[in-house]
């Protein structure tokens, strides 16, 4: 399929989102386009040791979606949420949904 770039409307700097395919996995990547060339934005993520120190290697600023089937499922989930047809609690996207604890039936203790 190859990469597909969506330029934000009304943006004079060429900013947008790139649908990137790598090893049969898809991701949304922050990107810019200039003179018909697309450039991914790169970041230095923090180490996973809790120190908030950046790692030594820059990585594309992306959100992993998965293979074709999983990517479609995730994107449909968010489309339905944005269109107001479903709320996250009403839609099964295959992820664990956050639970909100129920308030006790008792009166407030003060």
Foldseek 3Di string as FASTA:
>chain_A
DAKDWDADPPDPFQWTWIFGADPQWTKIFTWGDDPNDIDFDWDFAADPPPPRHGDPDIDTRIDTQTHPVSNVLVVVLVVCCVVVVDPPVRDCSPDDDDDDDDDDPDDPPD
